[in-house]
PDB file of N, CA and C in Angstrom:
ATOM      1  N   MET A   1      -1.214 -23.064   0.490  1.00  0.00           N
ATOM      2  CA  MET A   1      -0.779 -21.773   0.979  1.00  0.00           C
ATOM      3  C   MET A   1      -1.772 -20.707   0.533  1.00  0.00           C
ATOM      4  N   ALA A   2      -1.939 -19.720   1.363  1.00  0.00           N
ATOM      5  CA  ALA A   2      -2.849 -18.623   1.059  1.00  0.00           C
ATOM      6  C   ALA A   2      -2.158 -17.608   0.155  1.00  0.00           C
ATOM      7  N   LYS A   3      -2.975 -16.908  -0.601  1.00  0.00           N
ATOM      8  CA  LYS A   3      -2.429 -15.855  -1.449  1.00  0.00           C
ATOM      9  C   LYS A   3      -2.037 -14.659  -0.594  1.00  0.00           C
ATOM     10  N   ALA A   4      -1.131 -13.876  -1.079  1.00  0.00           N
ATOM     11  CA  ALA A   4      -0.692 -12.691  -0.356  1.00  0.00           C
ATOM     12  C   ALA A   4      -1.822 -11.678  -0.302  1.00  0.00           C
ATOM     13  N   ALA A   5      -1.955 -10.988   0.811  1.00  0.00           N
ATOM     14  CA  ALA A   5      -3.035 -10.029   1.003  1.00  0.00           C
ATOM     15  C   ALA A   5      -2.924  -8.853   0.037  1.00  0.00           C
ATOM     16  N   LYS A   6      -1.708  -8.494  -0.326  1.00  0.00           N
ATOM     17  CA  LYS A   6      -1.546  -7.328  -1.190  1.00  0.00           C
ATOM     18  C   LYS A   6      -2.132  -7.559  -2.580  1.00  0.00           C
ATOM     19  N   THR A   7      -2.222  -8.798  -3.017  1.00  0.00           N
ATOM     20  CA  THR A   7      -2.818  -9.059  -4.319  1.00  0.00           C
ATOM     21  C   THR A   7      -4.334  -9.028  -4.253  1.00  0.00           C
ATOM     22  N   ALA A   8      -4.897  -9.220  -3.063  1.00  0.00           N
ATOM     23  CA  ALA A   8      -6.345  -9.218  -2.920  1.00  0.00           C
ATOM     24  C   ALA A   8      -6.900  -7.806  -2.819  1.00  0.00           C
ATOM     25  N   ILE A   9      -6.083  -6.859  -2.379  1.00  0.00           N
ATOM     26  CA  ILE A   9      -6.562  -5.493  -2.189  1.00  0.00           C
ATOM     27  C   ILE A   9      -6.183  -4.657  -3.410  1.00  0.00           C
ATOM     28  N   LYS A  10      -7.153  -4.409  -4.238  1.00  0.00           N
ATOM     29  CA  LYS A  10      -6.966  -3.575  -5.417  1.00  0.00           C
ATOM     30  C   LYS A  10      -8.054  -2.515  -5.412  1.00  0.00           C
ATOM     31  N   THR A  11      -7.681  -1.258  -5.547  1.00  0.00           N
ATOM     32  CA  THR A  11      -8.669  -0.197  -5.585  1.00  0.00           C
ATOM     33  C   THR A  11      -8.758   0.364  -6.988  1.00  0.00           C
ATOM     34  N   LYS A  12      -9.956   0.740  -7.355  1.00  0.00           N
ATOM     35  CA  LYS A  12     -10.151   1.332  -8.668  1.00  0.00           C
ATOM     36  C   LYS A  12      -9.771   2.809  -8.659  1.00  0.00           C
ATOM     37  N   ASP A  13      -9.956   3.443  -7.503  1.00  0.00           N
ATOM     38  CA  ASP A  13      -9.667   4.864  -7.389  1.00  0.00           C
ATOM     39  C   ASP A  13      -8.341   5.050  -6.650  1.00  0.00           C
ATOM     40  N   GLN A  14      -7.269   5.275  -7.351  1.00  0.00           N
ATOM     41  CA  GLN A  14      -5.946   5.390  -6.759  1.00  0.00           C
ATOM     42  C   GLN A  14      -5.811   6.649  -5.910  1.00  0.00           C
ATOM     43  N   LYS A  15      -6.536   7.733  -6.274  1.00  0.00           N
ATOM     44  CA  LYS A  15      -6.468   8.959  -5.485  1.00  0.00           C
ATOM     45  C   LYS A  15      -7.062   8.741  -4.100  1.00  0.00           C
ATOM     46  N   ALA A  16      -8.165   8.050  -4.021  1.00  0.00           N
ATOM     47  CA  ALA A  16      -8.790   7.764  -2.728  1.00  0.00           C
ATOM     48  C   ALA A  16      -7.897   6.854  -1.897  1.00  0.00           C
ATOM     49  N   ALA A  17      -7.218   5.937  -2.519  1.00  0.00           N
ATOM     50  CA  ALA A  17      -6.332   5.027  -1.799  1.00  0.00           C
ATOM     51  C   ALA A  17      -5.132   5.788  -1.229  1.00  0.00           C
ATOM     52  N   SER A  18      -4.593   6.726  -1.983  1.00  0.00           N
ATOM     53  CA  SER A  18      -3.451   7.487  -1.479  1.00  0.00           C
ATOM     54  C   SER A  18      -3.883   8.480  -0.408  1.00  0.00           C
ATOM     55  N   ASP A  19      -5.093   8.997  -0.485  1.00  0.00           N
ATOM     56  CA  ASP A  19      -5.609   9.916   0.529  1.00  0.00           C
ATOM     57  C   ASP A  19      -5.902   9.187   1.836  1.00  0.00           C
ATOM     58  N   ALA A  20      -6.242   7.937   1.776  1.00  0.00           N
ATOM     59  CA  ALA A  20      -6.542   7.152   2.976  1.00  0.00           C
ATOM     60  C   ALA A  20      -5.311   6.960   3.850  1.00  0.00           C
ATOM     61  N   LYS A  21      -4.140   7.079   3.274  1.00  0.00           N
ATOM     62  CA  LYS A  21      -2.899   6.922   4.042  1.00  0.00           C
ATOM     63  C   LYS A  21      -2.643   8.107   4.967  1.00  0.00           C
ATOM     64  N   ASN A  22      -3.385   9.187   4.796  1.00  0.00           N
ATOM     65  CA  ASN A  22      -3.210  10.377   5.626  1.00  0.00           C
ATOM     66  C   ASN A  22      -4.020  10.319   6.910  1.00  0.00           C
ATOM     67  N   TRP A  23      -4.786   9.273   7.130  1.00  0.00           N
ATOM     68  CA  TRP A  23      -5.631   9.141   8.307  1.00  0.00           C
ATOM     69  C   TRP A  23      -5.061   8.078   9.242  1.00  0.00           C
ATOM     70  N   THR A  24      -5.229   8.292  10.546  1.00  0.00           N
ATOM     71  CA  THR A  24      -4.671   7.402  11.557  1.00  0.00           C
ATOM     72  C   THR A  24      -5.732   7.069  12.585  1.00  0.00           C
ATOM     73  N   LYS A  25      -5.725   5.829  13.061  1.00  0.00           N
ATOM     74  CA  LYS A  25      -6.633   5.421  14.126  1.00  0.00           C
ATOM     75  C   LYS A  25      -5.954   5.695  15.458  1.00  0.00           C
ATOM     76  N   VAL A  26      -6.612   6.493  16.297  1.00  0.00           N
ATOM     77  CA  VAL A  26      -6.072   6.868  17.598  1.00  0.00           C
ATOM     78  C   VAL A  26      -6.904   6.178  18.668  1.00  0.00           C
ATOM     79  N   ILE A  27      -6.232   5.482  19.575  1.00  0.00           N
ATOM     80  CA  ILE A  27      -6.905   4.786  20.665  1.00  0.00           C
ATOM     81  C   ILE A  27      -6.449   5.430  21.971  1.00  0.00           C
ATOM     82  N   ARG A  28      -7.413   5.961  22.732  1.00  0.00           N
ATOM     83  CA  ARG A  28      -7.113   6.625  24.001  1.00  0.00           C
ATOM     84  C   ARG A  28      -7.635   5.777  25.145  1.00  0.00           C
ATOM     85  N   ALA A  29      -6.840   5.649  26.187  1.00  0.00           N
ATOM     86  CA  ALA A  29      -7.259   4.941  27.395  1.00  0.00           C
ATOM     87  C   ALA A  29      -7.778   5.985  28.378  1.00  0.00           C
ATOM     88  N   LEU A  30      -9.031   5.841  28.769  1.00  0.00           N
ATOM     89  CA  LEU A  30      -9.656   6.766  29.703  1.00  0.00           C
ATOM     90  C   LEU A  30     -10.003   6.018  30.981  1.00  0.00           C
ATOM     91  N   ARG A  31      -9.688   6.609  32.107  1.00  0.00           N
ATOM     92  CA  ARG A  31      -9.949   5.969  33.386  1.00  0.00           C
ATOM     93  C   ARG A  31     -11.274   6.482  33.952  1.00  0.00           C
ATOM     94  N   SER A  32     -12.127   5.573  34.367  1.00  0.00           N
ATOM     95  CA  SER A  32     -13.416   5.921  34.962  1.00  0.00           C
ATOM     96  C   SER A  32     -13.203   6.469  36.372  1.00  0.00           C
ATOM     97  N   PRO A  33     -13.800   7.623  36.684  1.00  0.00           N
ATOM     98  CA  PRO A  33     -13.622   8.172  38.023  1.00  0.00           C
ATOM     99  C   PRO A  33     -14.334   7.351  39.108  1.00  0.00           C
ATOM    100  N   LYS A  34     -15.397   6.645  38.756  1.00  0.00           N
ATOM    101  CA  LYS A  34     -16.148   5.854  39.737  1.00  0.00           C
ATOM    102  C   LYS A  34     -15.444   4.549  40.088  1.00  0.00           C
ATOM    103  N   THR A  35     -15.131   3.759  39.079  1.00  0.00           N
ATOM    104  CA  THR A  35     -14.605   2.421  39.327  1.00  0.00           C
ATOM    105  C   THR A  35     -13.092   2.326  39.207  1.00  0.00           C
ATOM    106  N   GLY A  36     -12.491   3.255  38.484  1.00  0.00           N
ATOM    107  CA  GLY A  36     -11.050   3.191  38.275  1.00  0.00           C
ATOM    108  C   GLY A  36     -10.668   2.282  37.111  1.00  0.00           C
ATOM    109  N   ALA A  37     -11.669   1.699  36.472  1.00  0.00           N
ATOM    110  CA  ALA A  37     -11.399   0.817  35.328  1.00  0.00           C
ATOM    111  C   ALA A  37     -11.099   1.658  34.086  1.00  0.00           C
ATOM    112  N   TYR A  38     -10.334   1.080  33.189  1.00  0.00           N
ATOM    113  CA  TYR A  38      -9.994   1.772  31.951  1.00  0.00           C
ATOM    114  C   TYR A  38     -11.000   1.423  30.860  1.00  0.00           C
ATOM    115  N   THR A  39     -11.353   2.426  30.062  1.00  0.00           N
ATOM    116  CA  THR A  39     -12.131   2.216  28.846  1.00  0.00           C
ATOM    117  C   THR A  39     -11.308   2.793  27.703  1.00  0.00           C
ATOM    118  N   PHE A  40     -11.565   2.321  26.532  1.00  0.00           N
ATOM    119  CA  PHE A  40     -10.798   2.749  25.369  1.00  0.00           C
ATOM    120  C   PHE A  40     -11.716   3.427  24.371  1.00  0.00           C
ATOM    121  N   LYS A  41     -11.299   4.591  23.900  1.00  0.00           N
ATOM    122  CA  LYS A  41     -12.061   5.331  22.912  1.00  0.00           C
ATOM    123  C   LYS A  41     -11.242   5.397  21.626  1.00  0.00           C
ATOM    124  N   GLU A  42     -11.845   4.950  20.543  1.00  0.00           N
ATOM    125  CA  GLU A  42     -11.172   4.928  19.249  1.00  0.00           C
ATOM    126  C   GLU A  42     -11.725   6.042  18.369  1.00  0.00           C
ATOM    127  N   SER A  43     -10.856   6.664  17.595  1.00  0.00           N
ATOM    128  CA  SER A  43     -11.284   7.674  16.644  1.00  0.00           C
ATOM    129  C   SER A  43     -10.311   7.705  15.471  1.00  0.00           C
ATOM    130  N   ILE A  44     -10.821   8.137  14.338  1.00  0.00           N
ATOM    131  CA  ILE A  44     -10.017   8.277  13.130  1.00  0.00           C
ATOM    132  C   ILE A  44      -9.699   9.759  12.966  1.00  0.00           C
ATOM    133  N   VAL A  45      -8.401  10.090  12.931  1.00  0.00           N
ATOM    134  CA  VAL A  45      -7.954  11.477  12.912  1.00  0.00           C
ATOM    135  C   VAL A  45      -6.959  11.662  11.769  1.00  0.00           C
ATOM    136  N   HIS A  46      -6.997  12.836  11.146  1.00  0.00           N
ATOM    137  CA  HIS A  46      -6.007  13.150  10.112  1.00  0.00           C
ATOM    138  C   HIS A  46      -4.625  13.224  10.761  1.00  0.00           C
ATOM    139  N   LYS A  47      -3.621  12.775  10.060  1.00  0.00           N
ATOM    140  CA  LYS A  47      -2.286  12.661  10.665  1.00  0.00           C
ATOM    141  C   LYS A  47      -1.696  14.003  11.089  1.00  0.00           C
ATOM    142  N   ASP A  48      -2.158  15.104  10.521  1.00  0.00           N
ATOM    143  CA  ASP A  48      -1.659  16.419  10.907  1.00  0.00           C
ATOM    144  C   ASP A  48      -2.282  16.921  12.209  1.00  0.00           C
ATOM    145  N   LYS A  49      -3.388  16.326  12.649  1.00  0.00           N
ATOM    146  CA  LYS A  49      -4.105  16.823  13.820  1.00  0.00           C
ATOM    147  C   LYS A  49      -4.083  15.858  14.999  1.00  0.00           C
ATOM    148  N   ILE A  50      -3.137  14.925  15.014  1.00  0.00           N
ATOM    149  CA  ILE A  50      -3.071  13.928  16.084  1.00  0.00           C
ATOM    150  C   ILE A  50      -2.716  14.589  17.420  1.00  0.00           C
ATOM    151  N   LYS A  51      -1.738  15.469  17.435  1.00  0.00           N
ATOM    152  CA  LYS A  51      -1.330  16.121  18.686  1.00  0.00           C
ATOM    153  C   LYS A  51      -2.451  16.981  19.262  1.00  0.00           C
ATOM    154  N   GLU A  52      -3.188  17.659  18.406  1.00  0.00           N
ATOM    155  CA  GLU A  52      -4.312  18.464  18.867  1.00  0.00           C
ATOM    156  C   GLU A  52      -5.395  17.571  19.479  1.00  0.00           C
ATOM    157  N   HIS A  53      -5.628  16.448  18.865  1.00  0.00           N
ATOM    158  CA  HIS A  53      -6.647  15.517  19.351  1.00  0.00           C
ATOM    159  C   HIS A  53      -6.268  14.932  20.706  1.00  0.00           C
ATOM    160  N   LEU A  54      -5.016  14.590  20.887  1.00  0.00           N
ATOM    161  CA  LEU A  54      -4.570  14.005  22.142  1.00  0.00           C
ATOM    162  C   LEU A  54      -4.479  15.044  23.262  1.00  0.00           C
ATOM    163  N   ALA A  55      -4.340  16.313  22.927  1.00  0.00           N
ATOM    164  CA  ALA A  55      -4.256  17.360  23.931  1.00  0.00           C
ATOM    165  C   ALA A  55      -5.601  17.662  24.575  1.00  0.00           C
ATOM    166  N   GLN A  56      -6.681  17.236  23.937  1.00  0.00           N
ATOM    167  CA  GLN A  56      -8.021  17.507  24.478  1.00  0.00           C
ATOM    168  C   GLN A  56      -8.266  16.737  25.746  1.00  0.00           C
TER     169      GLN A  56
END
């Protein structure tokens, strides 16, 4: 059996680890005007600014 992932992830800097929880990966589906195919754009956004980012 494999070890649990939570035991493998240990950070030396606890402040940086707690600050990382405030960021979110946002994936937007954008449709190409030429072909009509969808492309996906990924970005890392602070959790307080997600609505502003999606409104663009």
